[in-house]
Protein backbone atom coordinates (compact mmCIF):
# COMPACT_ATOMS: atom_id res chain seq x y z
CA MET A 1 243.49 11.90 7.17
CA THR A 2 244.67 8.40 8.05
CA TYR A 3 243.02 6.52 10.89
CA GLN A 4 244.75 6.52 14.26
CA ALA A 5 244.45 3.69 16.77
CA LEU A 6 242.50 4.48 19.92
CA TYR A 7 245.50 4.10 22.20
CA ARG A 8 247.28 6.84 20.21
CA VAL A 9 244.26 9.12 20.12
CA TRP A 10 243.75 8.81 23.86
CA ARG A 11 247.41 9.12 24.87
CA PRO A 12 247.43 11.71 27.71
CA GLN A 13 248.96 15.11 26.85
CA THR A 14 249.14 16.52 30.40
CA PHE A 15 249.50 15.14 33.92
CA SER A 16 245.83 15.98 34.51
CA ASP A 17 244.82 13.65 31.63
CA MET A 18 246.65 10.65 33.11
CA VAL A 19 244.56 7.87 34.67
CA GLY A 20 245.75 6.50 37.99
CA GLN A 21 249.42 6.71 39.16
CA THR A 22 248.29 9.39 41.63
CA ALA A 23 251.46 9.54 43.74
CA ILE A 24 253.76 9.70 40.70
CA VAL A 25 251.72 12.40 38.97
CA ARG A 26 251.58 14.50 42.13
CA THR A 27 255.35 14.25 42.69
CA LEU A 28 256.28 15.15 39.12
CA ARG A 29 253.88 18.10 39.01
CA ASN A 30 255.27 19.46 42.27
CA GLN A 31 258.82 19.17 40.93
CA VAL A 32 257.87 21.17 37.82
CA ARG A 33 255.95 23.72 39.90
CA THR A 34 258.82 24.27 42.37
CA GLY A 35 261.67 23.89 39.87
CA ARG A 36 263.26 20.92 41.74
CA ILE A 37 264.03 18.98 38.56
CA ALA A 38 266.24 15.90 38.97
CA HIS A 39 268.89 15.11 36.39
CA ALA A 40 267.84 11.45 35.95
CA TYR A 41 264.55 9.55 36.31
CA LEU A 42 263.80 5.84 36.00
CA PHE A 43 260.21 4.89 35.15
CA CYS A 44 259.49 1.19 35.81
CA GLY A 45 256.36 -0.86 35.25
CA SER A 46 254.65 -3.40 33.04
CA ARG A 47 253.51 -2.60 29.51
CA GLY A 48 250.79 -0.02 28.95
CA THR A 49 250.98 1.65 32.37
CA GLY A 50 251.95 5.13 31.13
CA LYS A 51 255.75 5.23 31.42
CA THR A 52 256.49 6.70 27.99
CA SER A 53 253.47 9.03 28.15
CA ALA A 54 254.66 10.41 31.51
CA ALA A 55 258.17 10.84 30.11
CA LYS A 56 256.89 12.89 27.14
CA ILE A 57 254.67 15.01 29.37
CA MET A 58 257.60 15.63 31.72
CA ALA A 59 259.82 16.65 28.77
CA ARG A 60 257.25 19.27 27.68
CA ALA A 61 256.53 20.43 31.22
CA VAL A 62 260.17 21.24 32.12
CA ASN A 63 260.58 23.22 28.86
CA CYS A 64 257.14 24.88 28.77
CA LEU A 65 257.29 28.69 28.72
CA ASP A 66 253.97 29.04 30.54
CA PRO A 67 253.23 25.91 32.65
CA LYS A 68 249.78 25.61 34.23
CA ASP A 69 250.04 24.17 37.76
CA GLY A 70 252.86 21.86 36.70
CA ASP A 71 251.21 20.89 33.39
CA PRO A 72 252.55 21.94 29.97
CA CYS A 73 250.37 24.58 28.33
CA GLY A 74 250.50 22.94 24.89
CA GLU A 75 250.40 26.32 23.15
CA CYS A 76 253.89 27.83 23.48
CA VAL A 77 256.64 27.36 20.90
CA CYS A 78 258.44 24.71 22.94
CA CYS A 79 255.29 22.62 23.51
CA ARG A 80 254.28 22.76 19.84
CA ASP A 81 257.77 21.84 18.61
CA ILE A 82 258.05 18.90 21.01
CA LEU A 83 254.58 17.63 20.11
CA SER A 84 255.37 17.79 16.39
CA GLY A 85 258.78 16.15 16.85
CA ALA A 86 260.66 19.16 15.46
CA SER A 87 262.38 20.14 18.72
CA MET A 88 266.11 19.50 19.07
CA ASP A 89 265.82 19.78 22.85
CA VAL A 90 264.06 16.41 23.30
CA VAL A 91 265.75 13.28 21.99
CA GLU A 92 264.00 9.89 22.09
CA MET A 93 265.89 6.62 21.66
CA ASP A 94 264.66 3.04 21.64
CA ALA A 95 267.34 0.98 23.37
CA ALA A 96 265.90 -2.24 21.95
CA SER A 97 267.04 -1.26 18.44
CA ASN A 98 270.03 0.90 19.48
CA SER A 99 271.73 -1.24 22.10
CA ARG A 100 275.33 -1.06 20.87
CA VAL A 101 277.91 1.08 22.62
CA GLU A 102 278.72 2.97 19.41
CA GLU A 103 275.13 4.23 19.14
CA THR A 104 275.11 5.29 22.80
CA ARG A 105 278.40 7.17 22.39
CA GLU A 106 277.08 8.92 19.30
CA LEU A 107 274.03 9.99 21.29
CA LEU A 108 276.09 11.25 24.23
CA GLU A 109 278.38 13.30 22.00
CA LYS A 110 275.55 15.80 21.62
CA VAL A 111 275.26 16.33 25.39
CA ASP A 112 277.69 19.25 25.27
CA TYR A 113 275.32 21.25 23.05
CA PRO A 114 272.92 23.34 25.21
CA PRO A 115 269.17 23.49 24.50
CA GLN A 116 267.98 25.81 21.74
CA ASN A 117 264.55 27.00 22.90
CA GLY A 118 263.76 25.48 26.30
CA ARG A 119 265.51 25.34 29.65
CA PHE A 120 266.48 21.66 29.51
CA LYS A 121 267.73 19.13 27.04
CA VAL A 122 265.80 15.89 27.71
CA TYR A 123 266.95 12.41 26.66
CA ILE A 124 264.18 9.75 26.78
CA ILE A 125 265.64 6.22 26.53
CA ASP A 126 262.90 3.58 26.25
CA GLU A 127 263.50 -0.09 27.18
CA VAL A 128 266.81 0.94 28.72
CA HIS A 129 267.43 -2.58 30.06
CA MET A 130 268.23 -3.66 26.47
CA LEU A 131 271.47 -1.66 26.41
CA SER A 132 274.67 -3.68 26.40
CA GLN A 133 277.05 -3.60 29.35
CA SER A 134 279.45 -1.41 27.39
CA ALA A 135 276.63 1.01 26.56
CA PHE A 136 275.69 1.21 30.25
CA ASN A 137 279.33 1.99 31.08
CA ALA A 138 279.35 4.78 28.50
CA LEU A 139 276.12 6.20 29.95
CA LEU A 140 277.34 5.97 33.53
CA LYS A 141 279.90 8.81 33.33
CA THR A 142 277.37 11.25 31.89
CA LEU A 143 274.78 10.30 34.53
CA GLU A 144 277.36 10.83 37.25
CA GLU A 145 278.34 14.38 36.20
CA PRO A 146 275.72 15.72 33.77
CA PRO A 147 275.53 19.34 32.59
CA GLU A 148 273.04 21.44 34.53
CA TYR A 149 270.68 21.60 31.56
CA MET A 150 270.53 17.80 31.03
CA VAL A 151 267.62 15.56 32.11
CA PHE A 152 267.63 11.80 31.45
CA ILE A 153 264.34 9.86 31.60
CA LEU A 154 264.88 6.10 31.40
CA ALA A 155 261.91 3.74 30.95
CA THR A 156 261.97 -0.04 31.38
CA THR A 157 259.72 -3.03 31.99
CA GLU A 158 262.52 -5.01 33.64
CA PRO A 159 264.35 -2.84 36.22
CA GLN A 160 266.16 -5.86 37.63
CA LYS A 161 268.30 -5.91 34.46
CA VAL A 162 269.50 -2.32 34.95
CA PRO A 163 272.90 -2.16 36.71
CA ALA A 164 272.87 -0.95 40.31
CA THR A 165 275.30 1.83 39.41
CA ILE A 166 272.65 3.29 37.07
CA LEU A 167 269.78 2.73 39.51
CA SER A 168 271.54 4.57 42.32
CA ARG A 169 271.85 7.73 40.21
CA CYS A 170 268.18 7.93 39.23
CA GLN A 171 264.94 8.82 40.93
CA ARG A 172 262.93 5.63 40.56
CA TYR A 173 259.15 5.62 40.03
CA ASP A 174 257.21 2.34 39.84
CA PHE A 175 254.07 2.49 37.68
CA GLY A 176 251.43 0.07 38.93
CA ARG A 177 248.83 -1.74 36.83
CA PHE A 178 245.52 0.00 36.28
CA THR A 179 242.46 -1.20 38.17
CA LEU A 180 239.41 -2.61 36.39
CA GLU A 181 237.47 0.57 37.18
CA GLU A 182 240.19 2.80 35.69
CA LEU A 183 240.40 0.67 32.53
CA THR A 184 236.63 0.57 32.12
CA GLY A 185 236.30 4.33 32.65
CA ARG A 186 238.87 5.14 29.95
CA MET A 187 237.35 2.63 27.52
CA LYS A 188 233.91 4.20 27.97
CA GLN A 189 235.43 7.59 27.13
CA ALA A 190 237.16 6.16 24.06
CA ALA A 191 234.01 4.34 22.85
CA GLN A 192 232.24 7.73 22.59
CA GLY A 193 228.75 6.34 23.00
CA ALA A 194 229.20 3.20 20.89
CA PRO A 195 226.93 0.30 21.98
CA VAL A 196 229.07 -1.78 24.36
CA THR A 197 227.61 -3.91 27.16
CA GLU A 198 228.92 -3.80 30.72
CA GLU A 199 229.87 -7.50 30.50
CA ALA A 200 232.00 -6.72 27.42
CA TYR A 201 233.77 -3.88 29.24
CA ALA A 202 234.46 -6.17 32.22
CA LEU A 203 235.89 -8.94 30.02
CA MET A 204 238.08 -6.53 28.04
CA ALA A 205 239.39 -4.93 31.24
CA GLN A 206 240.13 -8.34 32.73
CA SER A 207 241.91 -9.54 29.57
CA ALA A 208 244.09 -6.39 29.45
CA GLU A 209 245.75 -7.47 32.73
CA GLY A 210 246.20 -3.90 33.95
CA GLY A 211 247.54 -2.43 30.68
CA MET A 212 245.71 0.59 29.24
CA ARG A 213 247.19 0.13 25.75
CA ASP A 214 246.01 -3.49 25.61
CA ALA A 215 242.51 -2.49 26.76
CA LEU A 216 242.15 0.27 24.15
CA SER A 217 243.58 -1.95 21.38
CA LEU A 218 241.08 -4.69 22.25
CA LEU A 219 238.23 -2.16 22.27
CA ASP A 220 239.41 -0.90 18.86
CA MET A 221 239.22 -4.42 17.40
CA CYS A 222 235.81 -5.13 18.93
CA LEU A 223 234.35 -1.87 17.59
CA SER A 224 235.59 -2.85 14.12
CA LEU A 225 233.24 -5.85 14.17
CA GLY A 226 230.27 -3.52 13.86
CA GLY A 227 227.02 -3.57 15.80
CA GLU A 228 226.75 -3.92 19.55
CA VAL A 229 229.87 -5.15 21.34
CA THR A 230 228.84 -8.00 23.66
CA GLU A 231 230.72 -10.50 25.77
CA ASP A 232 230.45 -13.07 22.96
CA SER A 233 231.99 -10.71 20.41
CA VAL A 234 234.90 -9.98 22.79
CA ARG A 235 235.47 -13.72 23.22
CA LEU A 236 235.40 -14.07 19.43
CA VAL A 237 238.14 -11.45 19.06
CA LEU A 238 240.21 -12.97 21.88
CA GLY A 239 239.82 -16.52 20.58
CA ALA A 240 238.58 -17.50 24.04
CA ALA A 241 236.14 -20.28 24.86
CA ASP A 242 232.54 -19.70 25.81
CA ARG A 243 231.94 -19.18 29.53
CA GLN A 244 229.62 -22.20 29.67
CA ILE A 245 232.48 -24.52 28.61
CA LEU A 246 234.47 -23.31 31.63
CA PHE A 247 231.59 -24.16 33.96
CA ASP A 248 231.05 -27.55 32.25
CA MET A 249 234.73 -28.38 32.57
CA ALA A 250 234.78 -27.41 36.26
CA ASP A 251 231.62 -29.49 36.91
CA ALA A 252 233.22 -32.55 35.29
CA ILE A 253 236.39 -32.11 37.37
CA ALA A 254 234.31 -31.76 40.54
CA ARG A 255 232.55 -35.07 39.74
CA ALA A 256 235.86 -36.67 38.69
CA ASP A 257 234.21 -37.52 35.34
CA ALA A 258 237.23 -37.54 33.04
CA GLY A 259 235.16 -38.70 30.07
CA VAL A 260 232.91 -35.62 30.08
CA ALA A 261 235.87 -33.31 30.69
CA LEU A 262 237.84 -34.81 27.79
CA ALA A 263 234.79 -34.55 25.54
CA ALA A 264 234.55 -30.84 26.36
CA ALA A 265 238.25 -30.44 25.56
CA GLU A 266 237.72 -32.18 22.22
CA ARG A 267 234.84 -29.83 21.34
CA LEU A 268 237.12 -26.95 22.18
CA TYR A 269 239.89 -28.33 19.96
CA ARG A 270 237.51 -28.99 17.04
CA ALA A 271 236.21 -25.42 17.29
CA GLY A 272 239.75 -24.14 16.69
CA SER A 273 240.18 -22.41 20.06
CA ASP A 274 243.69 -21.66 21.27
CA ILE A 275 244.61 -24.17 23.98
CA SER A 276 246.93 -21.76 25.80
CA VAL A 277 244.20 -19.09 25.87
CA PHE A 278 241.71 -21.66 27.22
CA LEU A 279 244.14 -22.72 29.97
CA ARG A 280 244.57 -19.07 30.96
CA ASP A 281 240.79 -18.62 31.10
CA LEU A 282 240.40 -21.87 33.04
CA SER A 283 243.02 -20.69 35.53
CA ARG A 284 241.08 -17.44 36.04
CA HIS A 285 237.86 -19.43 36.42
CA PHE A 286 239.29 -21.62 39.19
CA ARG A 287 240.80 -18.56 40.84
CA SER A 288 237.31 -17.05 41.01
CA LEU A 289 236.00 -20.33 42.43
CA ALA A 290 238.72 -20.33 45.08
CA VAL A 291 237.97 -16.71 46.01
CA ALA A 292 234.24 -17.50 46.27
CA ARG A 293 234.93 -20.66 48.30
CA ILE A 294 237.36 -19.04 50.74
CA CYS A 295 236.27 -15.38 50.93
CA GLY A 296 232.65 -15.48 49.81
CA ALA A 297 230.89 -14.16 46.72
CA ASP A 298 231.27 -10.51 47.79
CA ALA A 299 235.01 -10.76 47.13
CA LEU A 300 234.30 -11.18 43.39
CA THR A 301 234.13 -7.45 42.72
CA ASP A 302 234.71 -7.70 38.95
CA MET A 303 231.39 -9.38 38.05
CA SER A 304 227.65 -8.96 38.43
CA GLY A 305 225.55 -10.38 41.26
CA GLU A 306 224.04 -13.13 39.12
CA ARG A 307 227.43 -14.34 38.00
CA ARG A 308 228.71 -14.26 41.58
CA ALA A 309 225.89 -16.62 42.54
CA ASP A 310 226.93 -19.03 39.75
CA TYR A 311 230.52 -19.09 40.98
CA LEU A 312 229.46 -19.52 44.62
CA ARG A 313 227.15 -22.40 43.66
CA GLN A 314 229.90 -24.22 41.79
CA ALA A 315 232.52 -23.48 44.44
CA GLU A 316 230.47 -25.52 46.94
CA LEU A 317 231.26 -28.65 44.88
CA PHE A 318 234.97 -28.37 45.72
CA SER A 319 236.98 -28.50 48.89
CA GLN A 320 239.52 -25.75 49.40
CA GLU A 321 242.39 -28.23 49.05
CA LYS A 322 241.10 -29.61 45.75
CA LEU A 323 240.68 -26.12 44.29
CA LEU A 324 244.28 -25.28 45.13
CA ARG A 325 245.52 -28.58 43.67
CA VAL A 326 243.60 -28.11 40.40
CA MET A 327 244.83 -24.51 40.10
CA ASP A 328 248.41 -25.73 40.50
CA LEU A 329 247.89 -28.36 37.78
CA ILE A 330 246.40 -25.80 35.37
CA MET A 331 249.20 -23.28 35.91
CA ARG A 332 251.80 -25.99 35.29
CA ALA A 333 250.02 -27.00 32.09
CA GLU A 334 249.84 -23.35 31.01
CA SER A 335 253.61 -23.17 31.35
CA ASP A 336 254.17 -26.53 29.61
CA THR A 337 252.24 -25.50 26.48
CA ARG A 338 255.03 -23.07 25.57
CA TRP A 339 257.45 -25.93 24.96
CA ALA A 340 255.21 -28.92 24.16
CA SER A 341 254.78 -30.08 20.57
CA SER A 342 251.10 -30.88 21.23
CA ALA A 343 249.22 -28.41 23.41
CA ARG A 344 246.15 -30.64 23.23
CA SER A 345 247.99 -33.50 24.94
CA VAL A 346 249.12 -31.15 27.71
CA LEU A 347 245.49 -30.11 28.30
CA GLU A 348 244.22 -33.70 28.33
CA ILE A 349 246.91 -34.87 30.75
CA CYS A 350 246.07 -31.94 33.02
CA ILE A 351 242.38 -32.93 32.94
CA LEU A 352 243.15 -36.59 33.72
CA LYS A 353 245.31 -35.59 36.69
CA ALA A 354 242.63 -33.21 37.96
CA CYS A 355 239.97 -35.96 37.74
CA SER A 356 242.20 -38.62 39.29
CA PRO A 357 242.21 -39.34 43.02
CA ALA A 358 244.75 -37.29 44.92
CA ASP A 359 248.19 -38.77 45.40
CA THR A 360 248.40 -40.00 48.99
CA GLN A 361 252.12 -39.18 49.14
CA ASP A 362 251.35 -35.45 48.86
CA VAL A 363 250.43 -33.45 51.98
CA THR A 364 247.98 -31.30 50.00
CA ALA A 365 246.33 -34.44 48.65
CA LEU A 366 245.98 -35.87 52.15
CA LEU A 367 244.30 -32.67 53.30
CA GLU A 368 241.97 -32.92 50.33
CA ARG A 369 240.97 -36.48 51.21
CA ILE A 370 240.40 -35.49 54.85
CA ALA A 371 238.20 -32.60 53.72
CA GLU A 372 236.09 -34.96 51.60
CA LEU A 373 235.65 -37.35 54.55
CA GLU A 374 234.58 -34.43 56.76
CA ASN A 375 231.99 -33.41 54.16
CA ARG A 376 230.59 -36.96 54.18
CA LEU A 377 230.43 -36.99 57.99
CA ARG A 378 228.59 -33.69 57.99
CA GLY A 379 226.12 -35.21 55.52
CA ILE A 380 225.54 -38.17 57.86
CA GLU A 381 225.02 -35.87 60.87
CA SER A 382 222.54 -33.70 58.96
CA GLY A 383 220.44 -36.74 58.02
CA GLN A 384 221.37 -36.84 54.32
CA THR A 385 222.82 -40.31 54.84
CA ALA A 386 220.77 -42.06 57.52
CA VAL A 387 222.26 -45.07 59.25
CA ARG A 388 219.89 -46.53 61.86
CA ILE A 389 220.09 -49.69 63.94
CA ALA A 390 216.80 -50.90 65.43
CA GLN A 391 217.14 -52.00 69.04
CA ALA A 392 215.59 -55.43 69.67
CA PRO A 393 213.40 -55.94 72.80
CA ALA A 394 214.62 -58.03 75.72
CA GLY A 395 214.44 -61.75 75.06
CA ALA A 396 214.11 -61.29 71.37
CA GLY A 397 217.48 -62.90 70.77
CA GLN A 398 216.45 -66.39 72.12
CA ALA A 399 213.06 -66.27 70.40
CA GLY A 400 214.64 -65.30 67.13
CA LYS A 401 217.14 -68.10 67.42
CA ALA A 402 214.38 -70.69 68.03
CA ALA A 403 212.39 -69.34 65.12
CA ARG A 404 215.38 -69.60 62.81
CA GLU A 405 215.97 -73.21 63.90
CA GLN A 406 212.32 -74.17 63.18
CA ALA A 407 212.03 -72.28 59.92
CA PRO A 408 212.70 -74.27 56.75
CA SER A 409 215.97 -73.48 55.04
CA ALA A 410 215.75 -71.02 52.14
CA PRO A 411 216.13 -72.49 48.65
CA PRO A 412 219.58 -72.00 47.10
CA PRO A 413 219.90 -69.00 44.79
CA PRO A 414 219.51 -69.75 41.10
CA PRO A 415 222.76 -70.12 39.15
CA PRO A 416 223.87 -66.88 37.49
CA VAL A 417 222.86 -66.42 33.88
CA PRO A 418 226.02 -66.54 31.74
CA GLN A 419 226.87 -63.17 30.23
CA SER A 420 228.09 -62.52 26.75
CA GLU A 421 231.56 -61.14 26.22
CA ALA A 422 230.12 -57.79 25.11
CA GLU A 423 228.03 -57.56 28.31
CA MET A 424 231.04 -58.39 30.48
CA TRP A 425 233.05 -55.66 28.72
CA LYS A 426 230.19 -53.17 29.19
CA ASN A 427 229.93 -54.00 32.90
CA ALA A 428 233.71 -53.72 33.32
CA VAL A 429 233.72 -50.26 31.71
CA LYS A 430 230.87 -49.18 34.00
CA LYS A 431 232.78 -50.49 37.01
CA LEU A 432 235.93 -48.59 35.99
CA ARG A 433 234.04 -45.33 35.48
CA THR A 434 232.51 -45.67 38.94
CA GLU A 435 235.54 -46.80 40.92
CA ASN A 436 238.52 -45.45 38.98
CA ALA A 437 237.98 -42.06 37.37
CA ALA A 438 241.50 -42.01 35.95
CA LEU A 439 240.57 -44.88 33.59
CA SER A 440 237.15 -43.56 32.60
CA TYR A 441 238.52 -42.71 29.15
CA ILE A 442 238.36 -46.46 28.37
CA SER A 443 234.68 -45.82 27.53
CA ARG A 444 235.82 -43.87 24.44
CA GLY A 445 237.24 -47.09 22.98
CA ARG A 446 235.26 -49.49 20.75
CA PHE A 447 234.97 -53.15 21.79
CA GLU A 448 235.93 -55.31 18.79
CA GLY A 449 235.28 -58.68 20.41
CA VAL A 450 237.48 -61.46 21.81
CA GLN A 451 240.27 -62.88 19.69
CA ASP A 452 242.30 -65.81 21.08
CA GLY A 453 241.16 -64.95 24.63
CA ALA A 454 242.12 -61.28 24.31
CA TYR A 455 239.48 -58.58 24.71
CA ARG A 456 240.32 -56.21 21.86
CA VAL A 457 239.51 -52.52 22.18
CA THR A 458 240.41 -49.86 19.62
CA PHE A 459 240.49 -46.05 19.71
CA ALA A 460 239.87 -43.58 16.92
CA PRO A 461 243.01 -42.06 15.30
CA GLN A 462 242.35 -38.67 16.91
CA ASP A 463 242.31 -40.40 20.33
CA SER A 464 245.74 -41.97 19.95
CA ILE A 465 246.83 -40.45 23.27
CA TYR A 466 244.68 -43.00 25.09
CA VAL A 467 246.63 -45.85 23.51
CA THR A 468 249.76 -44.29 24.99
CA LEU A 469 248.12 -43.95 28.40
CA MET A 470 247.17 -47.64 28.45
CA ASN A 471 250.44 -48.82 29.98
CA ALA A 472 250.99 -52.11 31.77
CA ASP A 473 249.55 -50.87 35.06
CA ALA A 474 246.41 -49.48 33.40
CA GLN A 475 245.87 -52.72 31.43
CA LYS A 476 246.23 -54.72 34.65
CA GLN A 477 243.43 -52.69 36.26
CA VAL A 478 241.16 -53.26 33.25
CA VAL A 479 241.85 -57.00 33.39
CA GLU A 480 240.97 -57.07 37.10
CA ALA A 481 237.66 -55.33 36.31
CA LEU A 482 236.92 -57.94 33.62
CA LYS A 483 237.60 -60.75 36.11
CA ALA A 484 235.25 -59.14 38.62
CA CYS A 485 232.54 -59.12 35.94
CA GLY A 486 232.89 -62.84 35.20
CA ALA A 487 235.57 -63.08 32.50
CA GLN A 488 237.79 -66.17 32.70
CA ASP A 489 241.53 -65.47 32.45
CA PRO A 490 241.04 -62.41 30.23
CA ARG A 491 243.77 -60.55 28.40
CA LEU A 492 243.63 -57.06 26.90
CA SER A 493 244.65 -55.91 23.43
CA VAL A 494 244.68 -52.17 22.67
CA GLY A 495 245.13 -50.59 19.25
CA LEU A 496 243.99 -47.91 16.82
CA GLN A 497 240.98 -48.10 14.52
CA GLU A 498 241.52 -48.10 10.82
CA ASP A 499 241.70 -44.63 9.32
CA LYS A 500 238.87 -44.97 6.77
CA GLN A 501 239.62 -41.66 5.12
CA LYS A 502 243.23 -42.65 4.48
CA ARG A 503 242.12 -46.04 3.14
CA ARG A 504 239.70 -44.37 0.73
CA GLN A 505 242.48 -42.08 -0.47
CA MET A 506 244.71 -45.10 -1.10
CA GLU A 507 241.92 -46.85 -3.01
CA ARG A 508 241.31 -43.78 -5.20
CA ALA A 509 245.05 -43.51 -5.86
CA GLN A 510 245.18 -47.18 -6.86
CA GLN A 511 242.19 -46.75 -9.18
CA SER A 512 243.88 -43.76 -10.84
CA MET A 513 247.06 -45.83 -11.28
CA ASP A 514 245.08 -48.67 -12.87
CA ARG A 515 243.45 -46.30 -15.38
CA LEU A 516 246.82 -44.77 -16.26
CA SER A 517 248.31 -48.24 -16.73
CA GLU A 518 245.50 -49.24 -19.12
CA THR A 519 246.03 -46.06 -21.16
CA PHE A 520 249.81 -45.68 -21.29
CA GLY A 521 251.13 -49.03 -20.10
CA ARG A 522 252.62 -49.78 -16.70
CA GLU A 523 256.20 -49.64 -18.01
CA ASN A 524 255.72 -46.01 -19.12
CA ILE A 525 254.62 -44.75 -15.70
CA GLN A 526 257.06 -43.68 -13.00
CA VAL A 527 255.76 -42.86 -9.48
CA SER A 528 257.81 -40.54 -7.27
CA GLU A 529 257.09 -39.13 -3.82
């Protein structure tokens, strides 16, 4: 027998088997029990929340010859035929692949034929929002005056695209996302005793985003790896970054150390991780930090106590305003990666903005700066930054003045030792990293020396984005830092380092051409690209 995916094996067969959706399940069971069957239903909700499963259970329940408290028995002729797909009383249609009006009319032509075995003829139309306007118009008349034996069950993930004339003729049921506890409970049943850690269950449930099908599919893939399923193996399947990288990135942003943050992003890129997945994980990480900062660690109900302490400890490094600003930057970058040609550049620009001082023209940025000043004042009041002024005794002022007049004048300070150009560049880079975090990436460049009065700095080919970022304003700030470190009328020259690998390839190609020329003659060789 061929293997079946877990989400198919664990598809509920009765209302009692369904997880969650308590109000919907109770209503539908009562309708079957009392015989108050509506002629049209609309099941709405995101993917994997049980819309199609509920529709199939409802189709069996209304036709079951011996229902058990509103549930289909699964043993009568009608239940067996519907489960095997041999029943003519239940018709399923995928509107995504049958959206034309001709296909809808062909389907509705069979409405006049009564059911063969059961009481009702049930039409299940999945993804109904994909029908064309003409198809909706053809469906409208039948929904308005259906035969007494007809039941329509429409399912959709986008109810806002369904015309109001259709909505008003249906009983609408909104399927909510499953909670983490509901997802974890079903996955533990499906694992059937397989070795899976609690941290792995929590990460899979969080990644499923409330969809049971996604959770079971992810569990299926992780079990296929073999051995114990841990948090690391789940991250491997998801293509997500290690949790420590998220904490390292957040620490660098808290310290406004763009160099460390960009280095972490480069490690991530070299490891082959998906940038969009990392941005999604980083957004969740900062959300947890914001929850811990604003509501306390107890509000992080989806993680263990030790991990809550880690988030609470890191959340203390941020002000509430900065957390909100960084979250906004990450979510914008997450959206931009869908259209950008280089997702890595989007991530690096997001990091540079997060490490840069807040824009004073923004109200949120002003609140962030005020919060930082308040934190410093609290540090002064608590004694972390002591500022004390000793009070001089009475008459000390005149005595001190006389003493200063009698004391010999101090020798002049020795002239400063001239610095080399390399030392001045090193001091300027250190000054920029301390006073201007947005330009800290200048430390990734290599100082090539001074040529015709210009301090030349080059970046590696993979860091070409920094050459783009070094605009006129950025170069002016670097020049000012060089002047402050003793450089006389400096200028700045920025470029890319020579790609040694490409040069070696060119040299090998030239050597091959020389050998061919010696053997066959240069006039007998033709080079084409």
